[in-house]
Amino acid sequence: NRPQMVRTYQKVEIDVKQYVTGQNIVSSGSGEVCNAIEFYNGGTVTAFINDRPVPAGAAWSPPSHPGEMDITKYSLRFATGGTNLLYVSRKLYAN
């Protein structure tokens, strides 16, 4: 006899926002629980996330694992000259 595997699923939803000015980005808050976050630079200048450079056309996401909650406050700033555009995608646990 093989043991029965029980699969449990966590409901998630994806939230995508655009940023064109430097500001603080909170991963979780106001009833939102963020498991994973990705930053994609769709502009023409380098974006800096907590001083980590994300060149134009590149993406960066910190490592995440199931069951974790990202509570990081990310600081966004842009290099000068060109177009500022950063897409932030968050995987949120759904209620």
N, C-alpha and C. Protein backbone atom coordinates (compact mmCIF):
# COMPACT_ATOMS: atom_id res chain seq x y z
N ASN A 1 0.82 -1.19 0.00
CA ASN A 1 0.00 0.00 0.00
C ASN A 1 0.87 1.25 0.00
N ARG A 2 0.51 2.15 -0.88
CA ARG A 2 1.21 3.43 -0.92
C ARG A 2 0.48 4.43 -0.04
N PRO A 3 1.24 5.21 0.71
CA PRO A 3 0.58 6.24 1.52
C PRO A 3 -0.10 7.28 0.64
N GLN A 4 -1.24 7.73 1.07
CA GLN A 4 -1.99 8.75 0.33
C GLN A 4 -1.31 10.10 0.52
N MET A 5 -1.02 10.77 -0.58
CA MET A 5 -0.42 12.11 -0.49
C MET A 5 -1.53 13.14 -0.39
N VAL A 6 -1.39 14.01 0.55
CA VAL A 6 -2.35 15.08 0.72
C VAL A 6 -1.69 16.37 0.27
N ARG A 7 -2.32 17.01 -0.67
CA ARG A 7 -1.79 18.28 -1.16
C ARG A 7 -2.60 19.41 -0.55
N THR A 8 -1.88 20.38 -0.03
CA THR A 8 -2.55 21.57 0.47
C THR A 8 -2.11 22.74 -0.40
N TYR A 9 -3.03 23.61 -0.68
CA TYR A 9 -2.76 24.74 -1.54
C TYR A 9 -3.02 26.04 -0.78
N GLN A 10 -2.21 27.01 -1.05
CA GLN A 10 -2.39 28.35 -0.50
C GLN A 10 -2.85 29.24 -1.64
N LYS A 11 -3.93 29.95 -1.45
CA LYS A 11 -4.40 30.87 -2.48
C LYS A 11 -3.48 32.08 -2.53
N VAL A 12 -3.11 32.46 -3.75
CA VAL A 12 -2.27 33.64 -3.94
C VAL A 12 -2.86 34.50 -5.05
N GLU A 13 -2.46 35.75 -5.05
CA GLU A 13 -2.81 36.65 -6.15
C GLU A 13 -1.58 37.48 -6.47
N ILE A 14 -1.49 37.91 -7.72
CA ILE A 14 -0.34 38.70 -8.18
C ILE A 14 -0.79 40.16 -8.32
N ASP A 15 0.00 41.04 -7.73
CA ASP A 15 -0.26 42.47 -7.75
C ASP A 15 0.90 43.13 -8.49
N VAL A 16 0.59 43.93 -9.52
CA VAL A 16 1.64 44.61 -10.29
C VAL A 16 1.39 46.11 -10.24
N LYS A 17 2.44 46.86 -9.90
CA LYS A 17 2.36 48.31 -9.86
C LYS A 17 3.53 48.90 -10.63
N GLN A 18 3.34 50.12 -11.13
CA GLN A 18 4.39 50.85 -11.83
C GLN A 18 4.83 52.03 -10.99
N TYR A 19 6.13 52.29 -11.01
CA TYR A 19 6.70 53.44 -10.30
C TYR A 19 7.57 54.24 -11.25
N VAL A 20 7.43 55.57 -11.21
CA VAL A 20 8.24 56.43 -12.08
C VAL A 20 9.02 57.47 -11.28
N THR A 21 8.85 57.45 -9.96
CA THR A 21 9.60 58.35 -9.08
C THR A 21 10.19 57.55 -7.94
N GLY A 22 11.27 58.04 -7.38
CA GLY A 22 11.87 57.38 -6.23
C GLY A 22 10.94 57.45 -5.03
N GLN A 23 10.84 56.35 -4.30
CA GLN A 23 9.98 56.29 -3.12
C GLN A 23 10.23 54.99 -2.36
N ASN A 24 9.60 54.86 -1.21
CA ASN A 24 9.67 53.62 -0.46
C ASN A 24 8.55 52.69 -0.92
N ILE A 25 8.89 51.41 -1.03
CA ILE A 25 7.93 50.39 -1.44
C ILE A 25 7.86 49.38 -0.30
N VAL A 26 6.67 49.20 0.25
CA VAL A 26 6.48 48.25 1.34
C VAL A 26 5.94 46.96 0.75
N SER A 27 6.62 45.84 1.04
CA SER A 27 6.22 44.57 0.45
C SER A 27 4.93 44.03 1.06
N SER A 28 4.79 44.11 2.38
CA SER A 28 3.58 43.64 3.07
C SER A 28 3.05 44.76 3.95
N GLY A 29 1.76 44.83 4.08
CA GLY A 29 1.17 45.84 4.94
C GLY A 29 -0.29 46.03 4.66
N SER A 30 -0.99 46.68 5.56
CA SER A 30 -2.43 46.95 5.40
C SER A 30 -3.21 45.68 5.07
N GLY A 31 -2.95 44.62 5.80
CA GLY A 31 -3.66 43.36 5.58
C GLY A 31 -3.11 42.52 4.44
N GLU A 32 -2.05 42.98 3.78
CA GLU A 32 -1.44 42.21 2.69
C GLU A 32 -0.24 41.42 3.22
N VAL A 33 -0.14 40.19 2.78
CA VAL A 33 1.00 39.34 3.16
C VAL A 33 1.71 38.95 1.88
N CYS A 34 2.92 39.48 1.69
CA CYS A 34 3.71 39.26 0.48
C CYS A 34 4.67 38.10 0.69
N ASN A 35 4.62 37.14 -0.22
CA ASN A 35 5.55 36.02 -0.17
C ASN A 35 6.76 36.26 -1.06
N ALA A 36 6.56 36.85 -2.23
CA ALA A 36 7.65 37.06 -3.18
C ALA A 36 7.44 38.39 -3.90
N ILE A 37 8.55 39.01 -4.29
CA ILE A 37 8.49 40.29 -4.98
C ILE A 37 9.54 40.30 -6.09
N GLU A 38 9.19 40.94 -7.21
CA GLU A 38 10.13 41.07 -8.33
C GLU A 38 10.11 42.51 -8.81
N PHE A 39 11.29 43.01 -9.14
CA PHE A 39 11.46 44.36 -9.66
C PHE A 39 11.97 44.24 -11.10
N TYR A 40 11.23 44.81 -12.05
CA TYR A 40 11.65 44.81 -13.45
C TYR A 40 11.79 46.26 -13.92
N ASN A 41 12.96 46.58 -14.44
CA ASN A 41 13.23 47.93 -14.89
C ASN A 41 12.86 48.06 -16.37
N GLY A 42 11.72 48.70 -16.62
CA GLY A 42 11.25 48.92 -17.98
C GLY A 42 11.66 50.28 -18.53
N GLY A 43 12.46 51.01 -17.78
CA GLY A 43 12.90 52.33 -18.21
C GLY A 43 14.22 52.27 -18.97
N THR A 44 14.83 53.45 -19.10
CA THR A 44 16.10 53.55 -19.84
C THR A 44 17.28 53.91 -18.94
N VAL A 45 17.01 54.12 -17.65
CA VAL A 45 18.08 54.42 -16.70
C VAL A 45 18.11 53.35 -15.62
N THR A 46 19.21 53.24 -14.95
CA THR A 46 19.36 52.25 -13.87
C THR A 46 18.47 52.65 -12.69
N ALA A 47 17.76 51.65 -12.16
CA ALA A 47 17.01 51.83 -10.93
C ALA A 47 17.83 51.21 -9.79
N PHE A 48 17.67 51.75 -8.61
CA PHE A 48 18.38 51.22 -7.44
C PHE A 48 17.35 50.81 -6.39
N ILE A 49 17.40 49.56 -6.00
CA ILE A 49 16.52 49.02 -4.97
C ILE A 49 17.39 48.75 -3.75
N ASN A 50 17.20 49.54 -2.69
CA ASN A 50 18.07 49.44 -1.51
C ASN A 50 19.54 49.47 -1.93
N ASP A 51 19.86 50.38 -2.84
CA ASP A 51 21.20 50.60 -3.39
C ASP A 51 21.71 49.48 -4.30
N ARG A 52 20.90 48.48 -4.59
CA ARG A 52 21.28 47.43 -5.54
C ARG A 52 20.88 47.90 -6.94
N PRO A 53 21.84 48.00 -7.87
CA PRO A 53 21.50 48.47 -9.22
C PRO A 53 20.71 47.42 -10.01
N VAL A 54 19.67 47.91 -10.67
CA VAL A 54 18.89 47.07 -11.60
C VAL A 54 18.92 47.82 -12.93
N PRO A 55 19.79 47.39 -13.85
CA PRO A 55 19.93 48.09 -15.13
C PRO A 55 18.65 48.05 -15.96
N ALA A 56 18.54 48.98 -16.91
CA ALA A 56 17.40 49.00 -17.82
C ALA A 56 17.24 47.63 -18.49
N GLY A 57 16.03 47.13 -18.52
CA GLY A 57 15.74 45.83 -19.14
C GLY A 57 16.02 44.63 -18.27
N ALA A 58 16.48 44.84 -17.06
CA ALA A 58 16.81 43.72 -16.16
C ALA A 58 15.78 43.60 -15.04
N ALA A 59 15.78 42.44 -14.41
CA ALA A 59 14.89 42.18 -13.28
C ALA A 59 15.71 41.67 -12.11
N TRP A 60 15.17 41.86 -10.92
CA TRP A 60 15.79 41.33 -9.70
C TRP A 60 14.70 40.96 -8.71
N SER A 61 14.88 39.83 -8.06
CA SER A 61 13.97 39.46 -6.98
C SER A 61 14.77 38.77 -5.90
N PRO A 62 14.54 39.16 -4.65
CA PRO A 62 15.22 38.48 -3.56
C PRO A 62 14.66 37.06 -3.42
N PRO A 63 15.46 36.14 -2.91
CA PRO A 63 14.97 34.76 -2.77
C PRO A 63 13.79 34.69 -1.80
N SER A 64 12.87 33.77 -2.08
CA SER A 64 11.73 33.55 -1.19
C SER A 64 11.41 32.06 -1.18
N HIS A 65 10.73 31.64 -0.14
CA HIS A 65 10.37 30.23 0.03
C HIS A 65 8.92 30.14 0.49
N PRO A 66 8.24 29.04 0.18
CA PRO A 66 6.85 28.89 0.61
C PRO A 66 6.70 29.10 2.11
N GLY A 67 5.65 29.80 2.47
CA GLY A 67 5.36 30.04 3.88
C GLY A 67 6.02 31.28 4.45
N GLU A 68 6.95 31.88 3.70
CA GLU A 68 7.62 33.08 4.21
C GLU A 68 6.78 34.32 3.95
N MET A 69 7.02 35.35 4.76
CA MET A 69 6.39 36.66 4.60
C MET A 69 7.48 37.71 4.48
N ASP A 70 7.49 38.43 3.36
CA ASP A 70 8.48 39.49 3.14
C ASP A 70 7.95 40.76 3.80
N ILE A 71 8.69 41.28 4.77
CA ILE A 71 8.28 42.50 5.46
C ILE A 71 9.26 43.65 5.17
N THR A 72 10.04 43.50 4.13
CA THR A 72 11.07 44.48 3.79
C THR A 72 10.46 45.79 3.30
N LYS A 73 11.07 46.89 3.70
CA LYS A 73 10.74 48.21 3.16
C LYS A 73 11.84 48.53 2.15
N TYR A 74 11.48 48.53 0.87
CA TYR A 74 12.45 48.75 -0.20
C TYR A 74 12.50 50.24 -0.55
N SER A 75 13.71 50.75 -0.74
CA SER A 75 13.91 52.13 -1.13
C SER A 75 14.25 52.17 -2.62
N LEU A 76 13.45 52.89 -3.39
CA LEU A 76 13.64 52.99 -4.85
C LEU A 76 14.16 54.37 -5.19
N ARG A 77 15.21 54.40 -6.03
CA ARG A 77 15.66 55.65 -6.63
C ARG A 77 16.14 55.34 -8.03
N PHE A 78 16.21 56.36 -8.86
CA PHE A 78 16.62 56.21 -10.25
C PHE A 78 17.86 57.06 -10.53
N ALA A 79 18.69 56.59 -11.49
CA ALA A 79 19.78 57.41 -12.00
C ALA A 79 19.16 58.57 -12.78
N THR A 80 19.95 59.60 -13.05
CA THR A 80 19.41 60.77 -13.76
C THR A 80 19.49 60.59 -15.27
N GLY A 81 18.62 61.30 -15.99
CA GLY A 81 18.60 61.28 -17.45
C GLY A 81 17.88 60.05 -17.97
N GLY A 82 17.00 60.22 -18.91
CA GLY A 82 16.29 59.07 -19.47
C GLY A 82 14.91 58.89 -18.86
N THR A 83 14.36 57.70 -19.05
CA THR A 83 13.00 57.39 -18.61
C THR A 83 13.00 56.50 -17.38
N ASN A 84 12.28 56.90 -16.35
CA ASN A 84 12.13 56.10 -15.14
C ASN A 84 10.87 55.23 -15.26
N LEU A 85 11.02 53.93 -15.10
CA LEU A 85 9.87 53.03 -15.11
C LEU A 85 10.26 51.72 -14.44
N LEU A 86 9.67 51.44 -13.31
CA LEU A 86 9.94 50.20 -12.59
C LEU A 86 8.62 49.49 -12.35
N TYR A 87 8.55 48.22 -12.75
CA TYR A 87 7.39 47.38 -12.47
C TYR A 87 7.70 46.54 -11.24
N VAL A 88 6.77 46.52 -10.29
CA VAL A 88 6.93 45.72 -9.08
C VAL A 88 5.80 44.71 -9.04
N SER A 89 6.16 43.44 -9.08
CA SER A 89 5.17 42.35 -9.00
C SER A 89 5.31 41.68 -7.64
N ARG A 90 4.18 41.57 -6.94
CA ARG A 90 4.19 40.92 -5.64
C ARG A 90 3.26 39.72 -5.67
N LYS A 91 3.72 38.61 -5.08
CA LYS A 91 2.84 37.44 -4.89
C LYS A 91 2.31 37.55 -3.47
N LEU A 92 0.98 37.78 -3.39
CA LEU A 92 0.33 37.99 -2.10
C LEU A 92 -0.51 36.78 -1.73
N TYR A 93 -0.47 36.41 -0.47
CA TYR A 93 -1.38 35.36 0.01
C TYR A 93 -2.78 35.95 0.03
N ALA A 94 -3.73 35.24 -0.57
CA ALA A 94 -5.11 35.70 -0.64
C ALA A 94 -5.88 35.23 0.59
N ASN A 95 -6.83 36.03 1.02
CA ASN A 95 -7.67 35.65 2.17
C ASN A 95 -8.76 34.70 1.73
